[in-house]
ModelCIF file with pLDDT and N, C-alpha, C, O atoms, coordinates in Angstrom:
data_MODEL
#
_entry.id   MODEL 
#
_entity.id                         1 
_entity.type                       polymer 
_entity.pdbx_number_of_molecules   1 
#
_entity_poly.entity_id                      1 
_entity_poly.type                           'polypeptide(L)' 
_entity_poly.nstd_linkage                   no 
_entity_poly.nstd_monomer                   no 
_entity_poly.pdbx_seq_one_letter_code       LPIWHSNDQHEIVAMEYRTWLEPRPDQLRPLDGVDYSGVPTEPLVKPA 
_entity_poly.pdbx_seq_one_letter_code_can   LPIWHSNDQHEIVAMEYRTWLEPRPDQLRPLDGVDYSGVPTEPLVKPA 
_entity_poly.pdbx_strand_id                 A 
#
loop_
_entity_poly_seq.entity_id 
_entity_poly_seq.num 
_entity_poly_seq.mon_id 
_entity_poly_seq.hetero 
1 1  LEU n 
1 2  PRO n 
1 3  ILE n 
1 4  TRP n 
1 5  HIS n 
1 6  SER n 
1 7  ASN n 
1 8  ASP n 
1 9  GLN n 
1 10 HIS n 
1 11 GLU n 
1 12 ILE n 
1 13 VAL n 
1 14 ALA n 
1 15 MET n 
1 16 GLU n 
1 17 TYR n 
1 18 ARG n 
1 19 THR n 
1 20 TRP n 
1 21 LEU n 
1 22 GLU n 
1 23 PRO n 
1 24 ARG n 
1 25 PRO n 
1 26 ASP n 
1 27 GLN n 
1 28 LEU n 
1 29 ARG n 
1 30 PRO n 
1 31 LEU n 
1 32 ASP n 
1 33 GLY n 
1 34 VAL n 
1 35 ASP n 
1 36 TYR n 
1 37 SER n 
1 38 GLY n 
1 39 VAL n 
1 40 PRO n 
1 41 THR n 
1 42 GLU n 
1 43 PRO n 
1 44 LEU n 
1 45 VAL n 
1 46 LYS n 
1 47 PRO n 
1 48 ALA n 
#
_struct_asym.id          A 
_struct_asym.entity_id   1 
#
loop_
_ma_qa_metric.id 
_ma_qa_metric.mode 
_ma_qa_metric.name 
_ma_qa_metric.software_group_id 
_ma_qa_metric.type 
1 global pLDDT . pLDDT 
2 local  pLDDT . pLDDT 
#
_ma_qa_metric_global.metric_id      1 
_ma_qa_metric_global.metric_value   90.71 
_ma_qa_metric_global.model_id       1 
_ma_qa_metric_global.ordinal_id     1 
#
loop_
_ma_qa_metric_local.label_asym_id 
_ma_qa_metric_local.label_comp_id 
_ma_qa_metric_local.label_seq_id 
_ma_qa_metric_local.metric_id 
_ma_qa_metric_local.metric_value 
_ma_qa_metric_local.model_id 
_ma_qa_metric_local.ordinal_id 
A LEU 1  2 96.00 1 1  
A PRO 2  2 93.00 1 2  
A ILE 3  2 93.00 1 3  
A TRP 4  2 93.00 1 4  
A HIS 5  2 91.00 1 5  
A SER 6  2 93.00 1 6  
A ASN 7  2 89.00 1 7  
A ASP 8  2 91.00 1 8  
A GLN 9  2 93.00 1 9  
A HIS 10 2 91.00 1 10 
A GLU 11 2 94.00 1 11 
A ILE 12 2 95.00 1 12 
A VAL 13 2 94.00 1 13 
A ALA 14 2 94.00 1 14 
A MET 15 2 94.00 1 15 
A GLU 16 2 94.00 1 16 
A TYR 17 2 94.00 1 17 
A ARG 18 2 95.00 1 18 
A THR 19 2 95.00 1 19 
A TRP 20 2 95.00 1 20 
A LEU 21 2 95.00 1 21 
A GLU 22 2 93.00 1 22 
A PRO 23 2 93.00 1 23 
A ARG 24 2 93.00 1 24 
A PRO 25 2 94.00 1 25 
A ASP 26 2 95.00 1 26 
A GLN 27 2 95.00 1 27 
A LEU 28 2 96.00 1 28 
A ARG 29 2 95.00 1 29 
A PRO 30 2 95.00 1 30 
A LEU 31 2 95.00 1 31 
A ASP 32 2 95.00 1 32 
A GLY 33 2 96.00 1 33 
A VAL 34 2 95.00 1 34 
A ASP 35 2 94.00 1 35 
A TYR 36 2 94.00 1 36 
A SER 37 2 93.00 1 37 
A GLY 38 2 93.00 1 38 
A VAL 39 2 95.00 1 39 
A PRO 40 2 94.00 1 40 
A THR 41 2 93.00 1 41 
A GLU 42 2 90.00 1 42 
A PRO 43 2 86.00 1 43 
A LEU 44 2 79.00 1 44 
A VAL 45 2 72.00 1 45 
A LYS 46 2 64.00 1 46 
A PRO 47 2 59.00 1 47 
A ALA 48 2 56.00 1 48 
#
loop_
_atom_site.group_PDB 
_atom_site.id 
_atom_site.type_symbol 
_atom_site.label_atom_id 
_atom_site.label_alt_id 
_atom_site.label_comp_id 
_atom_site.label_asym_id 
_atom_site.label_entity_id 
_atom_site.label_seq_id 
_atom_site.pdbx_PDB_ins_code 
_atom_site.Cartn_x 
_atom_site.Cartn_y 
_atom_site.Cartn_z 
_atom_site.occupancy 
_atom_site.B_iso_or_equiv 
_atom_site.pdbx_formal_charge 
_atom_site.auth_seq_id 
_atom_site.auth_comp_id 
_atom_site.auth_asym_id 
_atom_site.auth_atom_id 
_atom_site.pdbx_PDB_model_num 
ATOM 1   N N  . LEU A 1 1  ? -118.664 -78.217 -60.109 1.00 96.00 ? 1  LEU A N  1 
ATOM 2   C CA . LEU A 1 1  ? -118.318 -79.712 -59.706 1.00 96.00 ? 1  LEU A CA 1 
ATOM 3   C C  . LEU A 1 1  ? -117.255 -79.971 -60.643 1.00 96.00 ? 1  LEU A C  1 
ATOM 4   O O  . LEU A 1 1  ? -117.306 -79.498 -61.779 1.00 96.00 ? 1  LEU A O  1 
ATOM 5   N N  . PRO A 1 2  ? -116.216 -80.748 -60.220 1.00 93.00 ? 2  PRO A N  1 
ATOM 6   C CA . PRO A 1 2  ? -115.209 -81.368 -61.142 1.00 93.00 ? 2  PRO A CA 1 
ATOM 7   C C  . PRO A 1 2  ? -115.666 -82.713 -61.791 1.00 93.00 ? 2  PRO A C  1 
ATOM 8   O O  . PRO A 1 2  ? -116.085 -83.676 -61.149 1.00 93.00 ? 2  PRO A O  1 
ATOM 9   N N  . ILE A 1 3  ? -115.535 -82.656 -63.094 1.00 93.00 ? 3  ILE A N  1 
ATOM 10  C CA . ILE A 1 3  ? -116.034 -83.841 -63.662 1.00 93.00 ? 3  ILE A CA 1 
ATOM 11  C C  . ILE A 1 3  ? -114.787 -84.354 -64.796 1.00 93.00 ? 3  ILE A C  1 
ATOM 12  O O  . ILE A 1 3  ? -113.802 -83.683 -65.104 1.00 93.00 ? 3  ILE A O  1 
ATOM 13  N N  . TRP A 1 4  ? -115.111 -85.632 -65.272 1.00 93.00 ? 4  TRP A N  1 
ATOM 14  C CA . TRP A 1 4  ? -114.282 -85.886 -66.477 1.00 93.00 ? 4  TRP A CA 1 
ATOM 15  C C  . TRP A 1 4  ? -115.127 -86.106 -67.798 1.00 93.00 ? 4  TRP A C  1 
ATOM 16  O O  . TRP A 1 4  ? -116.164 -86.759 -67.912 1.00 93.00 ? 4  TRP A O  1 
ATOM 17  N N  . HIS A 1 5  ? -114.522 -85.492 -68.645 1.00 91.00 ? 5  HIS A N  1 
ATOM 18  C CA . HIS A 1 5  ? -115.209 -85.366 -70.094 1.00 91.00 ? 5  HIS A CA 1 
ATOM 19  C C  . HIS A 1 5  ? -114.345 -85.857 -71.208 1.00 91.00 ? 5  HIS A C  1 
ATOM 20  O O  . HIS A 1 5  ? -113.135 -85.675 -71.340 1.00 91.00 ? 5  HIS A O  1 
ATOM 21  N N  . SER A 1 6  ? -115.197 -86.538 -72.022 1.00 93.00 ? 6  SER A N  1 
ATOM 22  C CA . SER A 1 6  ? -114.276 -87.335 -73.320 1.00 93.00 ? 6  SER A CA 1 
ATOM 23  C C  . SER A 1 6  ? -114.591 -86.104 -74.485 1.00 93.00 ? 6  SER A C  1 
ATOM 24  O O  . SER A 1 6  ? -115.715 -85.766 -74.857 1.00 93.00 ? 6  SER A O  1 
ATOM 25  N N  . ASN A 1 7  ? -113.344 -85.558 -74.930 1.00 89.00 ? 7  ASN A N  1 
ATOM 26  C CA . ASN A 1 7  ? -113.545 -84.486 -75.821 1.00 89.00 ? 7  ASN A CA 1 
ATOM 27  C C  . ASN A 1 7  ? -113.627 -84.993 -77.318 1.00 89.00 ? 7  ASN A C  1 
ATOM 28  O O  . ASN A 1 7  ? -113.652 -86.215 -77.461 1.00 89.00 ? 7  ASN A O  1 
ATOM 29  N N  . ASP A 1 8  ? -113.669 -84.229 -78.410 1.00 91.00 ? 8  ASP A N  1 
ATOM 30  C CA . ASP A 1 8  ? -113.855 -84.522 -79.681 1.00 91.00 ? 8  ASP A CA 1 
ATOM 31  C C  . ASP A 1 8  ? -112.446 -85.409 -80.279 1.00 91.00 ? 8  ASP A C  1 
ATOM 32  O O  . ASP A 1 8  ? -112.445 -85.930 -81.394 1.00 91.00 ? 8  ASP A O  1 
ATOM 33  N N  . GLN A 1 9  ? -111.565 -85.455 -79.564 1.00 93.00 ? 9  GLN A N  1 
ATOM 34  C CA . GLN A 1 9  ? -110.371 -86.239 -79.928 1.00 93.00 ? 9  GLN A CA 1 
ATOM 35  C C  . GLN A 1 9  ? -110.211 -87.435 -79.069 1.00 93.00 ? 9  GLN A C  1 
ATOM 36  O O  . GLN A 1 9  ? -109.179 -88.104 -79.016 1.00 93.00 ? 9  GLN A O  1 
ATOM 37  N N  . HIS A 1 10 ? -111.473 -87.700 -78.290 1.00 91.00 ? 10 HIS A N  1 
ATOM 38  C CA . HIS A 1 10 ? -111.442 -89.080 -77.515 1.00 91.00 ? 10 HIS A CA 1 
ATOM 39  C C  . HIS A 1 10 ? -110.461 -89.052 -76.467 1.00 91.00 ? 10 HIS A C  1 
ATOM 40  O O  . HIS A 1 10 ? -109.932 -90.064 -76.006 1.00 91.00 ? 10 HIS A O  1 
ATOM 41  N N  . GLU A 1 11 ? -110.204 -87.758 -76.062 1.00 94.00 ? 11 GLU A N  1 
ATOM 42  C CA . GLU A 1 11 ? -109.287 -87.752 -74.657 1.00 94.00 ? 11 GLU A CA 1 
ATOM 43  C C  . GLU A 1 11 ? -110.094 -87.634 -73.658 1.00 94.00 ? 11 GLU A C  1 
ATOM 44  O O  . GLU A 1 11 ? -111.218 -87.165 -73.837 1.00 94.00 ? 11 GLU A O  1 
ATOM 45  N N  . ILE A 1 12 ? -109.661 -88.043 -72.411 1.00 95.00 ? 12 ILE A N  1 
ATOM 46  C CA . ILE A 1 12 ? -110.548 -87.443 -71.209 1.00 95.00 ? 12 ILE A CA 1 
ATOM 47  C C  . ILE A 1 12 ? -109.764 -86.462 -70.650 1.00 95.00 ? 12 ILE A C  1 
ATOM 48  O O  . ILE A 1 12 ? -108.590 -86.683 -70.354 1.00 95.00 ? 12 ILE A O  1 
ATOM 49  N N  . VAL A 1 13 ? -110.323 -85.350 -70.469 1.00 94.00 ? 13 VAL A N  1 
ATOM 50  C CA . VAL A 1 13 ? -110.176 -84.195 -69.834 1.00 94.00 ? 13 VAL A CA 1 
ATOM 51  C C  . VAL A 1 13 ? -110.882 -83.821 -68.725 1.00 94.00 ? 13 VAL A C  1 
ATOM 52  O O  . VAL A 1 13 ? -112.031 -84.225 -68.542 1.00 94.00 ? 13 VAL A O  1 
ATOM 53  N N  . ALA A 1 14 ? -110.162 -82.888 -67.755 1.00 94.00 ? 14 ALA A N  1 
ATOM 54  C CA . ALA A 1 14 ? -110.858 -82.485 -66.657 1.00 94.00 ? 14 ALA A CA 1 
ATOM 55  C C  . ALA A 1 14 ? -111.753 -81.121 -66.850 1.00 94.00 ? 14 ALA A C  1 
ATOM 56  O O  . ALA A 1 14 ? -111.158 -80.161 -67.340 1.00 94.00 ? 14 ALA A O  1 
ATOM 57  N N  . MET A 1 15 ? -113.000 -80.976 -66.539 1.00 94.00 ? 15 MET A N  1 
ATOM 58  C CA . MET A 1 15 ? -113.776 -79.999 -66.765 1.00 94.00 ? 15 MET A CA 1 
ATOM 59  C C  . MET A 1 15 ? -114.413 -79.733 -65.420 1.00 94.00 ? 15 MET A C  1 
ATOM 60  O O  . MET A 1 15 ? -114.349 -80.423 -64.403 1.00 94.00 ? 15 MET A O  1 
ATOM 61  N N  . GLU A 1 16 ? -115.150 -78.390 -65.662 1.00 94.00 ? 16 GLU A N  1 
ATOM 62  C CA . GLU A 1 16 ? -116.220 -78.033 -64.653 1.00 94.00 ? 16 GLU A CA 1 
ATOM 63  C C  . GLU A 1 16 ? -117.399 -77.975 -64.991 1.00 94.00 ? 16 GLU A C  1 
ATOM 64  O O  . GLU A 1 16 ? -117.695 -77.502 -66.089 1.00 94.00 ? 16 GLU A O  1 
ATOM 65  N N  . TYR A 1 17 ? -118.408 -78.477 -64.065 1.00 94.00 ? 17 TYR A N  1 
ATOM 66  C CA . TYR A 1 17 ? -119.776 -78.336 -64.411 1.00 94.00 ? 17 TYR A CA 1 
ATOM 67  C C  . TYR A 1 17 ? -120.471 -77.412 -63.325 1.00 94.00 ? 17 TYR A C  1 
ATOM 68  O O  . TYR A 1 17 ? -120.389 -77.562 -62.106 1.00 94.00 ? 17 TYR A O  1 
ATOM 69  N N  . ARG A 1 18 ? -121.077 -76.557 -63.915 1.00 95.00 ? 18 ARG A N  1 
ATOM 70  C CA . ARG A 1 18 ? -121.845 -75.512 -63.071 1.00 95.00 ? 18 ARG A CA 1 
ATOM 71  C C  . ARG A 1 18 ? -123.336 -75.632 -63.068 1.00 95.00 ? 18 ARG A C  1 
ATOM 72  O O  . ARG A 1 18 ? -123.938 -75.825 -64.124 1.00 95.00 ? 18 ARG A O  1 
ATOM 73  N N  . THR A 1 19 ? -123.952 -75.525 -61.922 1.00 95.00 ? 19 THR A N  1 
ATOM 74  C CA . THR A 1 19 ? -125.450 -75.514 -61.826 1.00 95.00 ? 19 THR A CA 1 
ATOM 75  C C  . THR A 1 19 ? -125.938 -74.927 -60.722 1.00 95.00 ? 19 THR A C  1 
ATOM 76  O O  . THR A 1 19 ? -125.208 -74.805 -59.739 1.00 95.00 ? 19 THR A O  1 
ATOM 77  N N  . TRP A 1 20 ? -127.204 -74.488 -60.714 1.00 95.00 ? 20 TRP A N  1 
ATOM 78  C CA . TRP A 1 20 ? -127.871 -73.649 -59.514 1.00 95.00 ? 20 TRP A CA 1 
ATOM 79  C C  . TRP A 1 20 ? -128.440 -74.793 -58.780 1.00 95.00 ? 20 TRP A C  1 
ATOM 80  O O  . TRP A 1 20 ? -128.854 -75.792 -59.369 1.00 95.00 ? 20 TRP A O  1 
ATOM 81  N N  . LEU A 1 21 ? -128.465 -74.654 -57.472 1.00 95.00 ? 21 LEU A N  1 
ATOM 82  C CA . LEU A 1 21 ? -129.192 -75.524 -56.614 1.00 95.00 ? 21 LEU A CA 1 
ATOM 83  C C  . LEU A 1 21 ? -129.798 -74.686 -55.427 1.00 95.00 ? 21 LEU A C  1 
ATOM 84  O O  . LEU A 1 21 ? -129.500 -73.537 -55.099 1.00 95.00 ? 21 LEU A O  1 
ATOM 85  N N  . GLU A 1 22 ? -130.672 -75.492 -54.892 1.00 93.00 ? 22 GLU A N  1 
ATOM 86  C CA . GLU A 1 22 ? -131.424 -74.816 -53.522 1.00 93.00 ? 22 GLU A CA 1 
ATOM 87  C C  . GLU A 1 22 ? -130.732 -75.202 -52.564 1.00 93.00 ? 22 GLU A C  1 
ATOM 88  O O  . GLU A 1 22 ? -130.176 -76.299 -52.608 1.00 93.00 ? 22 GLU A O  1 
ATOM 89  N N  . PRO A 1 23 ? -130.629 -74.416 -51.549 1.00 93.00 ? 23 PRO A N  1 
ATOM 90  C CA . PRO A 1 23 ? -129.778 -74.677 -50.334 1.00 93.00 ? 23 PRO A CA 1 
ATOM 91  C C  . PRO A 1 23 ? -130.656 -75.494 -49.478 1.00 93.00 ? 23 PRO A C  1 
ATOM 92  O O  . PRO A 1 23 ? -131.177 -74.982 -48.487 1.00 93.00 ? 23 PRO A O  1 
ATOM 93  N N  . ARG A 1 24 ? -130.856 -76.712 -49.785 1.00 93.00 ? 24 ARG A N  1 
ATOM 94  C CA . ARG A 1 24 ? -131.678 -77.700 -49.034 1.00 93.00 ? 24 ARG A CA 1 
ATOM 95  C C  . ARG A 1 24 ? -130.754 -78.854 -48.656 1.00 93.00 ? 24 ARG A C  1 
ATOM 96  O O  . ARG A 1 24 ? -129.859 -79.123 -49.458 1.00 93.00 ? 24 ARG A O  1 
ATOM 97  N N  . PRO A 1 25 ? -130.833 -79.404 -47.797 1.00 94.00 ? 25 PRO A N  1 
ATOM 98  C CA . PRO A 1 25 ? -130.107 -80.545 -47.197 1.00 94.00 ? 25 PRO A CA 1 
ATOM 99  C C  . PRO A 1 25 ? -130.019 -81.691 -48.163 1.00 94.00 ? 25 PRO A C  1 
ATOM 100 O O  . PRO A 1 25 ? -129.021 -82.410 -48.226 1.00 94.00 ? 25 PRO A O  1 
ATOM 101 N N  . ASP A 1 26 ? -131.082 -81.847 -48.914 1.00 95.00 ? 26 ASP A N  1 
ATOM 102 C CA . ASP A 1 26 ? -131.013 -82.836 -50.079 1.00 95.00 ? 26 ASP A CA 1 
ATOM 103 C C  . ASP A 1 26 ? -130.200 -82.619 -51.218 1.00 95.00 ? 26 ASP A C  1 
ATOM 104 O O  . ASP A 1 26 ? -130.033 -83.511 -52.051 1.00 95.00 ? 26 ASP A O  1 
ATOM 105 N N  . GLN A 1 27 ? -129.614 -81.353 -51.327 1.00 95.00 ? 27 GLN A N  1 
ATOM 106 C CA . GLN A 1 27 ? -129.035 -80.822 -52.417 1.00 95.00 ? 27 GLN A CA 1 
ATOM 107 C C  . GLN A 1 27 ? -127.580 -80.475 -52.198 1.00 95.00 ? 27 GLN A C  1 
ATOM 108 O O  . GLN A 1 27 ? -126.626 -80.779 -52.914 1.00 95.00 ? 27 GLN A O  1 
ATOM 109 N N  . LEU A 1 28 ? -127.592 -79.634 -50.836 1.00 96.00 ? 28 LEU A N  1 
ATOM 110 C CA . LEU A 1 28 ? -126.266 -78.991 -50.506 1.00 96.00 ? 28 LEU A CA 1 
ATOM 111 C C  . LEU A 1 28 ? -126.092 -79.075 -49.021 1.00 96.00 ? 28 LEU A C  1 
ATOM 112 O O  . LEU A 1 28 ? -127.068 -79.018 -48.272 1.00 96.00 ? 28 LEU A O  1 
ATOM 113 N N  . ARG A 1 29 ? -124.988 -79.196 -48.625 1.00 95.00 ? 29 ARG A N  1 
ATOM 114 C CA . ARG A 1 29 ? -124.540 -79.269 -47.156 1.00 95.00 ? 29 ARG A CA 1 
ATOM 115 C C  . ARG A 1 29 ? -123.326 -78.429 -46.919 1.00 95.00 ? 29 ARG A C  1 
ATOM 116 O O  . ARG A 1 29 ? -122.356 -78.657 -47.642 1.00 95.00 ? 29 ARG A O  1 
ATOM 117 N N  . PRO A 1 30 ? -123.239 -77.499 -46.020 1.00 95.00 ? 30 PRO A N  1 
ATOM 118 C CA . PRO A 1 30 ? -121.997 -76.856 -45.707 1.00 95.00 ? 30 PRO A CA 1 
ATOM 119 C C  . PRO A 1 30 ? -121.027 -77.606 -45.138 1.00 95.00 ? 30 PRO A C  1 
ATOM 120 O O  . PRO A 1 30 ? -121.391 -78.687 -44.673 1.00 95.00 ? 30 PRO A O  1 
ATOM 121 N N  . LEU A 1 31 ? -119.680 -77.259 -45.040 1.00 95.00 ? 31 LEU A N  1 
ATOM 122 C CA . LEU A 1 31 ? -118.632 -78.065 -44.540 1.00 95.00 ? 31 LEU A CA 1 
ATOM 123 C C  . LEU A 1 31 ? -118.424 -77.304 -43.134 1.00 95.00 ? 31 LEU A C  1 
ATOM 124 O O  . LEU A 1 31 ? -118.377 -76.074 -43.116 1.00 95.00 ? 31 LEU A O  1 
ATOM 125 N N  . ASP A 1 32 ? -118.315 -77.978 -42.097 1.00 95.00 ? 32 ASP A N  1 
ATOM 126 C CA . ASP A 1 32 ? -118.079 -77.338 -40.863 1.00 95.00 ? 32 ASP A CA 1 
ATOM 127 C C  . ASP A 1 32 ? -116.672 -76.757 -40.775 1.00 95.00 ? 32 ASP A C  1 
ATOM 128 O O  . ASP A 1 32 ? -115.644 -77.350 -41.104 1.00 95.00 ? 32 ASP A O  1 
ATOM 129 N N  . GLY A 1 33 ? -116.766 -75.441 -40.257 1.00 96.00 ? 33 GLY A N  1 
ATOM 130 C CA . GLY A 1 33 ? -115.421 -74.604 -40.193 1.00 96.00 ? 33 GLY A CA 1 
ATOM 131 C C  . GLY A 1 33 ? -115.021 -73.987 -41.400 1.00 96.00 ? 33 GLY A C  1 
ATOM 132 O O  . GLY A 1 33 ? -113.923 -73.431 -41.402 1.00 96.00 ? 33 GLY A O  1 
ATOM 133 N N  . VAL A 1 34 ? -115.863 -73.981 -42.656 1.00 95.00 ? 34 VAL A N  1 
ATOM 134 C CA . VAL A 1 34 ? -115.814 -73.236 -43.871 1.00 95.00 ? 34 VAL A CA 1 
ATOM 135 C C  . VAL A 1 34 ? -116.459 -72.029 -43.715 1.00 95.00 ? 34 VAL A C  1 
ATOM 136 O O  . VAL A 1 34 ? -117.600 -71.954 -43.260 1.00 95.00 ? 34 VAL A O  1 
ATOM 137 N N  . ASP A 1 35 ? -115.734 -70.977 -44.099 1.00 94.00 ? 35 ASP A N  1 
ATOM 138 C CA . ASP A 1 35 ? -116.197 -69.644 -44.148 1.00 94.00 ? 35 ASP A CA 1 
ATOM 139 C C  . ASP A 1 35 ? -116.841 -69.252 -45.547 1.00 94.00 ? 35 ASP A C  1 
ATOM 140 O O  . ASP A 1 35 ? -116.168 -69.196 -46.576 1.00 94.00 ? 35 ASP A O  1 
ATOM 141 N N  . TYR A 1 36 ? -118.185 -68.990 -45.495 1.00 94.00 ? 36 TYR A N  1 
ATOM 142 C CA . TYR A 1 36 ? -119.051 -68.720 -46.822 1.00 94.00 ? 36 TYR A CA 1 
ATOM 143 C C  . TYR A 1 36 ? -119.229 -67.187 -46.798 1.00 94.00 ? 36 TYR A C  1 
ATOM 144 O O  . TYR A 1 36 ? -119.782 -66.702 -47.785 1.00 94.00 ? 36 TYR A O  1 
ATOM 145 N N  . SER A 1 37 ? -118.882 -66.446 -45.919 1.00 93.00 ? 37 SER A N  1 
ATOM 146 C CA . SER A 1 37 ? -119.017 -64.887 -46.075 1.00 93.00 ? 37 SER A CA 1 
ATOM 147 C C  . SER A 1 37 ? -118.596 -64.270 -47.239 1.00 93.00 ? 37 SER A C  1 
ATOM 148 O O  . SER A 1 37 ? -119.274 -63.405 -47.795 1.00 93.00 ? 37 SER A O  1 
ATOM 149 N N  . GLY A 1 38 ? -117.219 -64.763 -47.761 1.00 93.00 ? 38 GLY A N  1 
ATOM 150 C CA . GLY A 1 38 ? -117.060 -64.097 -49.071 1.00 93.00 ? 38 GLY A CA 1 
ATOM 151 C C  . GLY A 1 38 ? -117.380 -64.554 -50.276 1.00 93.00 ? 38 GLY A C  1 
ATOM 152 O O  . GLY A 1 38 ? -116.652 -64.358 -51.249 1.00 93.00 ? 38 GLY A O  1 
ATOM 153 N N  . VAL A 1 39 ? -118.589 -65.260 -50.342 1.00 95.00 ? 39 VAL A N  1 
ATOM 154 C CA . VAL A 1 39 ? -119.284 -65.831 -51.555 1.00 95.00 ? 39 VAL A CA 1 
ATOM 155 C C  . VAL A 1 39 ? -119.968 -64.632 -52.164 1.00 95.00 ? 39 VAL A C  1 
ATOM 156 O O  . VAL A 1 39 ? -120.664 -63.969 -51.396 1.00 95.00 ? 39 VAL A O  1 
ATOM 157 N N  . PRO A 1 40 ? -119.881 -64.247 -53.431 1.00 94.00 ? 40 PRO A N  1 
ATOM 158 C CA . PRO A 1 40 ? -120.876 -63.326 -54.034 1.00 94.00 ? 40 PRO A CA 1 
ATOM 159 C C  . PRO A 1 40 ? -122.185 -63.227 -53.728 1.00 94.00 ? 40 PRO A C  1 
ATOM 160 O O  . PRO A 1 40 ? -122.703 -64.173 -54.321 1.00 94.00 ? 40 PRO A O  1 
ATOM 161 N N  . THR A 1 41 ? -123.057 -62.610 -53.126 1.00 93.00 ? 41 THR A N  1 
ATOM 162 C CA . THR A 1 41 ? -124.215 -62.653 -52.761 1.00 93.00 ? 41 THR A CA 1 
ATOM 163 C C  . THR A 1 41 ? -124.934 -61.619 -53.457 1.00 93.00 ? 41 THR A C  1 
ATOM 164 O O  . THR A 1 41 ? -124.485 -60.473 -53.425 1.00 93.00 ? 41 THR A O  1 
ATOM 165 N N  . GLU A 1 42 ? -126.172 -61.922 -54.186 1.00 90.00 ? 42 GLU A N  1 
ATOM 166 C CA . GLU A 1 42 ? -127.229 -61.040 -54.852 1.00 90.00 ? 42 GLU A CA 1 
ATOM 167 C C  . GLU A 1 42 ? -128.454 -61.048 -54.251 1.00 90.00 ? 42 GLU A C  1 
ATOM 168 O O  . GLU A 1 42 ? -129.345 -61.777 -54.685 1.00 90.00 ? 42 GLU A O  1 
ATOM 169 N N  . PRO A 1 43 ? -128.637 -60.247 -53.194 1.00 86.00 ? 43 PRO A N  1 
ATOM 170 C CA . PRO A 1 43 ? -130.087 -60.381 -52.477 1.00 86.00 ? 43 PRO A CA 1 
ATOM 171 C C  . PRO A 1 43 ? -131.204 -59.701 -53.515 1.00 86.00 ? 43 PRO A C  1 
ATOM 172 O O  . PRO A 1 43 ? -130.955 -58.729 -54.228 1.00 86.00 ? 43 PRO A O  1 
ATOM 173 N N  . LEU A 1 44 ? -132.264 -60.282 -53.470 1.00 79.00 ? 44 LEU A N  1 
ATOM 174 C CA . LEU A 1 44 ? -133.388 -59.802 -54.404 1.00 79.00 ? 44 LEU A CA 1 
ATOM 175 C C  . LEU A 1 44 ? -133.576 -58.152 -53.970 1.00 79.00 ? 44 LEU A C  1 
ATOM 176 O O  . LEU A 1 44 ? -133.749 -57.679 -52.847 1.00 79.00 ? 44 LEU A O  1 
ATOM 177 N N  . VAL A 1 45 ? -133.480 -57.489 -55.247 1.00 72.00 ? 45 VAL A N  1 
ATOM 178 C CA . VAL A 1 45 ? -133.749 -55.943 -55.224 1.00 72.00 ? 45 VAL A CA 1 
ATOM 179 C C  . VAL A 1 45 ? -135.307 -55.941 -55.165 1.00 72.00 ? 45 VAL A C  1 
ATOM 180 O O  . VAL A 1 45 ? -136.025 -56.446 -56.028 1.00 72.00 ? 45 VAL A O  1 
ATOM 181 N N  . LYS A 1 46 ? -135.754 -55.286 -53.998 1.00 64.00 ? 46 LYS A N  1 
ATOM 182 C CA . LYS A 1 46 ? -137.223 -55.038 -53.899 1.00 64.00 ? 46 LYS A CA 1 
ATOM 183 C C  . LYS A 1 46 ? -137.782 -54.098 -54.958 1.00 64.00 ? 46 LYS A C  1 
ATOM 184 O O  . LYS A 1 46 ? -137.231 -53.009 -55.119 1.00 64.00 ? 46 LYS A O  1 
ATOM 185 N N  . PRO A 1 47 ? -138.813 -54.435 -55.673 1.00 59.00 ? 47 PRO A N  1 
ATOM 186 C CA . PRO A 1 47 ? -139.524 -53.342 -56.423 1.00 59.00 ? 47 PRO A CA 1 
ATOM 187 C C  . PRO A 1 47 ? -139.924 -52.320 -55.890 1.00 59.00 ? 47 PRO A C  1 
ATOM 188 O O  . PRO A 1 47 ? -140.097 -52.475 -54.681 1.00 59.00 ? 47 PRO A O  1 
ATOM 189 N N  . ALA A 1 48 ? -140.167 -51.260 -56.288 1.00 56.00 ? 48 ALA A N  1 
ATOM 190 C CA . ALA A 1 48 ? -140.683 -49.991 -55.864 1.00 56.00 ? 48 ALA A CA 1 
ATOM 191 C C  . ALA A 1 48 ? -142.318 -50.463 -55.375 1.00 56.00 ? 48 ALA A C  1 
ATOM 192 O O  . ALA A 1 48 ? -143.100 -49.618 -54.938 1.00 56.00 ? 48 ALA A O  1 
#
């Protein structure tokens, strides 16, 4: 998410905030027509 941040020099700078969310409608919603197939995806490696 893009955010504004006040740095040590009291300047307002653009930053990026990253977080892990669950793919639930109350947290995330896809945009119509957007292709998500290229997003790096790491399925669970099933243990032996």
